[in-house]
Structures are given as structure tokens and as C-alpha cells.
């Protein structure tokens, strides 16, 4: 029996990249907390990279898009990361990152 764990590729959508950049800018500039922004980005990067080996670790949510993709939700501090899994391509798509109090559904 092969005990190798399958590793998924991780891709960020353009929306997710923009949202992450906006969050970093807001925390570092508006809140004048650059170190906190850097810590959040490191924590987010590590959490996202951990998905590569266990993409289904987080729960599914009710949100679906036009293509009927299932979304999963990962919480990092006060932020929610939404992602989908393409089993055929063995790819995880990081779709969005929102402030947790925002209605993301």
C-alpha cells in the first residue's frame, strides 16, 4: 500500500490577491501596524500552504458560484479565506479573503 500523501497545487485568484493586498495595506497604513500586517501575512501563507496536503480539512459552506463549485472556509484570526478544490487538476483555488465580520455569503 502506498502511503504517499497527495499534494495539491495552490493558486490565488486575482480577486484574492487584490483582497489580500488591500487587507495588508489597511492594517499596515491605516492602523499603523506594519508588524501585525506582516504577522497576519505569514500566518495566512502557512495556513494556505498547509492546505496542499489536507485540502478537505475545513468545512464546506453554503456558497456556490455559477459553476456549482463548492467552497470551503478557513478562518485565520479575524479573517475568512474561501477556497475551492479541483480534484481533476489537484489544485486548490484561493478565491477570497474577507474580514470575518463582513457578510461573505
N, C-alpha and C. Protein backbone atom coordinates (compact mmCIF):
# COMPACT_ATOMS: atom_id res chain seq x y z
N UNK A 1 0.84 -1.19 0.00
CA UNK A 1 0.00 0.00 0.00
C UNK A 1 0.88 1.24 0.00
N UNK A 2 0.59 2.18 -0.87
CA UNK A 2 1.37 3.40 -0.99
C UNK A 2 0.86 4.42 0.03
N UNK A 3 1.73 4.86 0.92
CA UNK A 3 1.30 5.78 1.98
C UNK A 3 1.63 7.24 1.64
N UNK A 4 2.02 7.49 0.39
CA UNK A 4 2.32 8.86 0.00
C UNK A 4 1.05 9.69 -0.01
N UNK A 5 1.14 10.86 0.59
CA UNK A 5 0.02 11.79 0.61
C UNK A 5 0.06 12.61 -0.67
N UNK A 6 -1.10 12.77 -1.27
CA UNK A 6 -1.17 13.56 -2.50
C UNK A 6 -1.06 15.04 -2.15
N UNK A 7 -0.23 15.75 -2.88
CA UNK A 7 -0.02 17.18 -2.65
C UNK A 7 -0.71 17.96 -3.77
N UNK A 8 -1.50 18.93 -3.38
CA UNK A 8 -2.24 19.76 -4.32
C UNK A 8 -1.47 21.04 -4.61
N UNK A 9 -1.64 21.55 -5.81
CA UNK A 9 -1.11 22.86 -6.17
C UNK A 9 -2.03 23.91 -5.55
N UNK A 10 -1.49 25.08 -5.29
CA UNK A 10 -2.30 26.17 -4.74
C UNK A 10 -2.19 27.37 -5.66
N UNK A 11 -3.35 27.91 -6.04
CA UNK A 11 -3.39 29.10 -6.89
C UNK A 11 -4.31 30.14 -6.26
N UNK A 12 -3.92 31.39 -6.36
CA UNK A 12 -4.72 32.50 -5.86
C UNK A 12 -5.43 33.15 -7.05
N UNK A 13 -6.72 33.41 -6.89
CA UNK A 13 -7.42 34.15 -7.93
C UNK A 13 -6.98 35.61 -7.87
N UNK A 14 -7.24 36.34 -8.92
CA UNK A 14 -6.89 37.77 -8.92
C UNK A 14 -7.66 38.52 -7.84
N UNK A 15 -8.93 38.15 -7.63
CA UNK A 15 -9.72 38.76 -6.56
C UNK A 15 -9.06 38.55 -5.20
N UNK A 16 -8.63 37.32 -4.95
CA UNK A 16 -7.99 37.01 -3.67
C UNK A 16 -6.70 37.81 -3.50
N UNK A 17 -5.91 37.90 -4.56
CA UNK A 17 -4.66 38.68 -4.48
C UNK A 17 -4.96 40.14 -4.13
N UNK A 18 -5.97 40.71 -4.78
CA UNK A 18 -6.34 42.10 -4.51
C UNK A 18 -6.83 42.27 -3.07
N UNK A 19 -7.66 41.35 -2.60
CA UNK A 19 -8.20 41.43 -1.25
C UNK A 19 -7.09 41.32 -0.20
N UNK A 20 -6.16 40.41 -0.43
CA UNK A 20 -5.04 40.23 0.50
C UNK A 20 -4.18 41.49 0.52
N UNK A 21 -3.92 42.05 -0.63
CA UNK A 21 -3.13 43.29 -0.72
C UNK A 21 -3.86 44.43 0.01
N UNK A 22 -5.17 44.53 -0.19
CA UNK A 22 -5.96 45.58 0.47
C UNK A 22 -5.93 45.42 1.99
N UNK A 23 -6.05 44.19 2.47
CA UNK A 23 -6.00 43.93 3.91
C UNK A 23 -4.64 44.32 4.48
N UNK A 24 -3.58 43.93 3.79
CA UNK A 24 -2.23 44.28 4.24
C UNK A 24 -2.07 45.80 4.31
N UNK A 25 -2.49 46.48 3.26
CA UNK A 25 -2.38 47.95 3.21
C UNK A 25 -3.18 48.59 4.33
N UNK A 26 -4.39 48.10 4.54
CA UNK A 26 -5.24 48.69 5.57
C UNK A 26 -4.60 48.54 6.96
N UNK A 27 -4.14 47.34 7.28
CA UNK A 27 -3.55 47.11 8.60
C UNK A 27 -2.25 47.89 8.76
N UNK A 28 -1.40 47.84 7.76
CA UNK A 28 -0.09 48.47 7.90
C UNK A 28 -0.16 50.00 7.83
N UNK A 29 -1.02 50.55 7.00
CA UNK A 29 -1.06 52.00 6.80
C UNK A 29 -2.15 52.68 7.64
N UNK A 30 -3.39 52.22 7.52
CA UNK A 30 -4.50 52.87 8.24
C UNK A 30 -4.43 52.63 9.74
N UNK A 31 -4.07 51.41 10.11
CA UNK A 31 -3.97 51.09 11.54
C UNK A 31 -2.55 51.30 12.07
N UNK A 32 -1.65 51.66 11.18
CA UNK A 32 -0.24 51.89 11.51
C UNK A 32 0.30 50.70 12.33
N UNK A 33 0.12 49.51 11.77
CA UNK A 33 0.55 48.30 12.45
C UNK A 33 1.22 47.37 11.44
N UNK A 34 2.35 47.80 10.92
CA UNK A 34 3.02 47.04 9.87
C UNK A 34 3.45 45.65 10.35
N UNK A 35 3.95 45.56 11.58
CA UNK A 35 4.36 44.24 12.10
C UNK A 35 3.18 43.29 12.22
N UNK A 36 2.04 43.82 12.64
CA UNK A 36 0.82 42.99 12.74
C UNK A 36 0.40 42.52 11.35
N UNK A 37 0.51 43.40 10.36
CA UNK A 37 0.17 43.03 8.98
C UNK A 37 1.09 41.93 8.48
N UNK A 38 2.38 42.05 8.77
CA UNK A 38 3.35 41.03 8.35
C UNK A 38 3.07 39.70 9.04
N UNK A 39 2.74 39.74 10.34
CA UNK A 39 2.43 38.50 11.06
C UNK A 39 1.22 37.82 10.46
N UNK A 40 0.19 38.62 10.14
CA UNK A 40 -1.02 38.05 9.52
C UNK A 40 -0.68 37.41 8.19
N UNK A 41 0.14 38.05 7.38
CA UNK A 41 0.50 37.51 6.06
C UNK A 41 1.30 36.21 6.21
N UNK A 42 2.20 36.15 7.19
CA UNK A 42 2.96 34.91 7.43
C UNK A 42 2.03 33.78 7.87
N UNK A 43 1.11 34.12 8.78
CA UNK A 43 0.17 33.12 9.28
C UNK A 43 -0.74 32.63 8.15
N UNK A 44 -1.20 33.57 7.32
CA UNK A 44 -2.05 33.20 6.19
C UNK A 44 -1.28 32.30 5.22
N UNK A 45 -0.06 32.67 4.89
CA UNK A 45 0.75 31.88 3.96
C UNK A 45 0.94 30.45 4.49
N UNK A 46 1.27 30.33 5.78
CA UNK A 46 1.47 29.00 6.36
C UNK A 46 0.18 28.19 6.34
N UNK A 47 -0.93 28.82 6.70
CA UNK A 47 -2.22 28.11 6.71
C UNK A 47 -2.61 27.65 5.32
N UNK A 48 -2.40 28.50 4.33
CA UNK A 48 -2.73 28.15 2.94
C UNK A 48 -1.81 27.02 2.45
N UNK A 49 -0.54 27.11 2.76
CA UNK A 49 0.39 26.06 2.34
C UNK A 49 0.04 24.72 2.98
N UNK A 50 -0.46 24.75 4.21
CA UNK A 50 -0.87 23.51 4.89
C UNK A 50 -2.03 22.83 4.16
N UNK A 51 -2.82 23.59 3.41
CA UNK A 51 -3.92 23.01 2.65
C UNK A 51 -3.43 22.03 1.59
N UNK A 52 -2.22 22.24 1.08
CA UNK A 52 -1.71 21.41 -0.02
C UNK A 52 -1.75 19.92 0.31
N UNK A 53 -1.56 19.57 1.57
CA UNK A 53 -1.58 18.17 1.97
C UNK A 53 -2.92 17.70 2.50
N UNK A 54 -3.76 18.64 2.92
CA UNK A 54 -5.07 18.29 3.51
C UNK A 54 -6.13 19.30 3.08
N UNK A 55 -6.50 19.31 1.82
CA UNK A 55 -7.42 20.36 1.34
C UNK A 55 -8.83 20.28 1.91
N UNK A 56 -9.24 19.12 2.38
CA UNK A 56 -10.63 18.97 2.85
C UNK A 56 -10.75 19.12 4.36
N UNK A 57 -9.72 19.65 4.99
CA UNK A 57 -9.72 19.77 6.45
C UNK A 57 -10.76 20.77 6.96
N UNK A 58 -11.09 21.77 6.16
CA UNK A 58 -12.05 22.79 6.57
C UNK A 58 -13.43 22.49 6.01
N UNK A 59 -14.44 22.98 6.71
CA UNK A 59 -15.82 22.64 6.35
C UNK A 59 -16.30 23.34 5.09
N UNK A 60 -17.23 22.67 4.42
CA UNK A 60 -17.91 23.25 3.26
C UNK A 60 -18.89 24.29 3.77
N UNK A 61 -19.15 25.29 2.93
CA UNK A 61 -20.16 26.29 3.28
C UNK A 61 -21.26 26.27 2.23
N UNK A 62 -22.31 27.01 2.47
CA UNK A 62 -23.47 27.00 1.58
C UNK A 62 -23.23 27.73 0.27
N UNK A 63 -22.20 28.55 0.19
CA UNK A 63 -21.93 29.35 -1.01
C UNK A 63 -21.52 28.46 -2.18
N UNK A 64 -22.14 28.70 -3.32
CA UNK A 64 -21.74 28.07 -4.58
C UNK A 64 -21.74 29.16 -5.63
N UNK A 65 -20.92 28.99 -6.65
CA UNK A 65 -20.89 30.00 -7.71
C UNK A 65 -21.65 29.49 -8.93
N UNK A 66 -21.54 30.21 -10.03
CA UNK A 66 -22.26 29.86 -11.25
C UNK A 66 -21.89 28.48 -11.77
N UNK A 67 -20.65 28.08 -11.51
CA UNK A 67 -20.19 26.77 -11.99
C UNK A 67 -20.46 25.66 -10.97
N UNK A 68 -21.22 25.97 -9.94
CA UNK A 68 -21.62 24.99 -8.92
C UNK A 68 -20.44 24.43 -8.12
N UNK A 69 -19.36 25.21 -8.03
CA UNK A 69 -18.22 24.77 -7.23
C UNK A 69 -18.55 24.91 -5.75
N UNK A 70 -18.09 23.94 -4.96
CA UNK A 70 -18.25 24.01 -3.51
C UNK A 70 -17.12 24.85 -2.94
N UNK A 71 -17.47 25.69 -1.97
CA UNK A 71 -16.47 26.48 -1.29
C UNK A 71 -16.25 25.93 0.11
N UNK A 72 -15.04 26.09 0.58
CA UNK A 72 -14.70 25.76 1.95
C UNK A 72 -14.20 27.02 2.62
N UNK A 73 -14.32 27.05 3.95
CA UNK A 73 -13.99 28.25 4.71
C UNK A 73 -12.91 27.95 5.73
N UNK A 74 -11.86 28.75 5.67
CA UNK A 74 -10.76 28.66 6.63
C UNK A 74 -10.73 30.00 7.38
N UNK A 75 -10.63 29.97 8.70
CA UNK A 75 -10.57 31.18 9.49
C UNK A 75 -9.15 31.38 9.99
N UNK A 76 -8.63 32.58 9.75
CA UNK A 76 -7.29 32.95 10.21
C UNK A 76 -7.44 34.27 10.97
N UNK A 77 -7.29 34.20 12.27
CA UNK A 77 -7.51 35.36 13.14
C UNK A 77 -8.90 35.92 12.85
N UNK A 78 -9.00 37.18 12.44
CA UNK A 78 -10.30 37.80 12.18
C UNK A 78 -10.70 37.75 10.71
N UNK A 79 -10.08 36.87 9.95
CA UNK A 79 -10.32 36.84 8.51
C UNK A 79 -10.77 35.46 8.06
N UNK A 80 -11.56 35.48 6.99
CA UNK A 80 -12.09 34.24 6.41
C UNK A 80 -11.50 34.09 5.02
N UNK A 81 -10.96 32.91 4.76
CA UNK A 81 -10.43 32.58 3.44
C UNK A 81 -11.38 31.56 2.82
N UNK A 82 -11.87 31.86 1.63
CA UNK A 82 -12.73 30.93 0.90
C UNK A 82 -11.92 30.30 -0.22
N UNK A 83 -12.08 28.99 -0.37
CA UNK A 83 -11.34 28.29 -1.42
C UNK A 83 -12.17 27.16 -1.99
N UNK A 84 -11.78 26.74 -3.19
CA UNK A 84 -12.41 25.60 -3.85
C UNK A 84 -11.32 24.59 -4.19
N UNK A 85 -11.75 23.37 -4.43
CA UNK A 85 -10.82 22.29 -4.77
C UNK A 85 -11.21 21.72 -6.11
N UNK A 86 -10.26 21.64 -7.02
CA UNK A 86 -10.48 20.98 -8.31
C UNK A 86 -9.77 19.63 -8.22
N UNK A 87 -10.55 18.59 -8.00
CA UNK A 87 -9.98 17.24 -7.83
C UNK A 87 -9.31 16.74 -9.11
N UNK A 88 -9.85 17.10 -10.27
CA UNK A 88 -9.27 16.64 -11.53
C UNK A 88 -7.87 17.20 -11.75
N UNK A 89 -7.69 18.48 -11.41
CA UNK A 89 -6.39 19.13 -11.60
C UNK A 89 -5.51 19.07 -10.36
N UNK A 90 -6.07 18.55 -9.26
CA UNK A 90 -5.36 18.50 -7.97
C UNK A 90 -4.86 19.90 -7.61
N UNK A 91 -5.80 20.86 -7.70
CA UNK A 91 -5.47 22.26 -7.45
C UNK A 91 -6.47 22.86 -6.47
N UNK A 92 -5.96 23.67 -5.56
CA UNK A 92 -6.77 24.44 -4.63
C UNK A 92 -6.74 25.87 -5.12
N UNK A 93 -7.93 26.48 -5.25
CA UNK A 93 -8.02 27.87 -5.68
C UNK A 93 -8.43 28.73 -4.49
N UNK A 94 -7.55 29.61 -4.07
CA UNK A 94 -7.88 30.56 -3.01
C UNK A 94 -8.68 31.66 -3.69
N UNK A 95 -9.96 31.74 -3.36
CA UNK A 95 -10.88 32.62 -4.09
C UNK A 95 -11.03 34.00 -3.46
N UNK A 96 -11.13 34.04 -2.13
CA UNK A 96 -11.39 35.31 -1.46
C UNK A 96 -10.80 35.30 -0.06
N UNK A 97 -10.53 36.51 0.44
CA UNK A 97 -10.16 36.70 1.84
C UNK A 97 -10.92 37.91 2.33
N UNK A 98 -11.74 37.71 3.36
CA UNK A 98 -12.60 38.77 3.88
C UNK A 98 -12.35 38.98 5.36
N UNK A 99 -12.66 40.19 5.81
CA UNK A 99 -12.72 40.45 7.24
C UNK A 99 -13.88 39.63 7.77
N UNK A 100 -13.69 38.94 8.89
CA UNK A 100 -14.66 37.99 9.40
C UNK A 100 -16.03 38.53 9.71
N UNK A 101 -16.16 39.81 9.99
CA UNK A 101 -17.47 40.37 10.32
C UNK A 101 -18.25 40.79 9.08
N UNK A 102 -17.63 40.70 7.93
CA UNK A 102 -18.30 41.04 6.68
C UNK A 102 -19.15 39.85 6.24
N UNK A 103 -20.30 40.10 5.66
CA UNK A 103 -21.15 39.02 5.17
C UNK A 103 -20.59 38.55 3.82
N UNK A 104 -19.87 37.47 3.84
CA UNK A 104 -19.22 36.96 2.63
C UNK A 104 -20.08 36.00 1.84
N UNK A 105 -21.24 35.63 2.37
CA UNK A 105 -22.14 34.72 1.65
C UNK A 105 -23.03 35.54 0.74
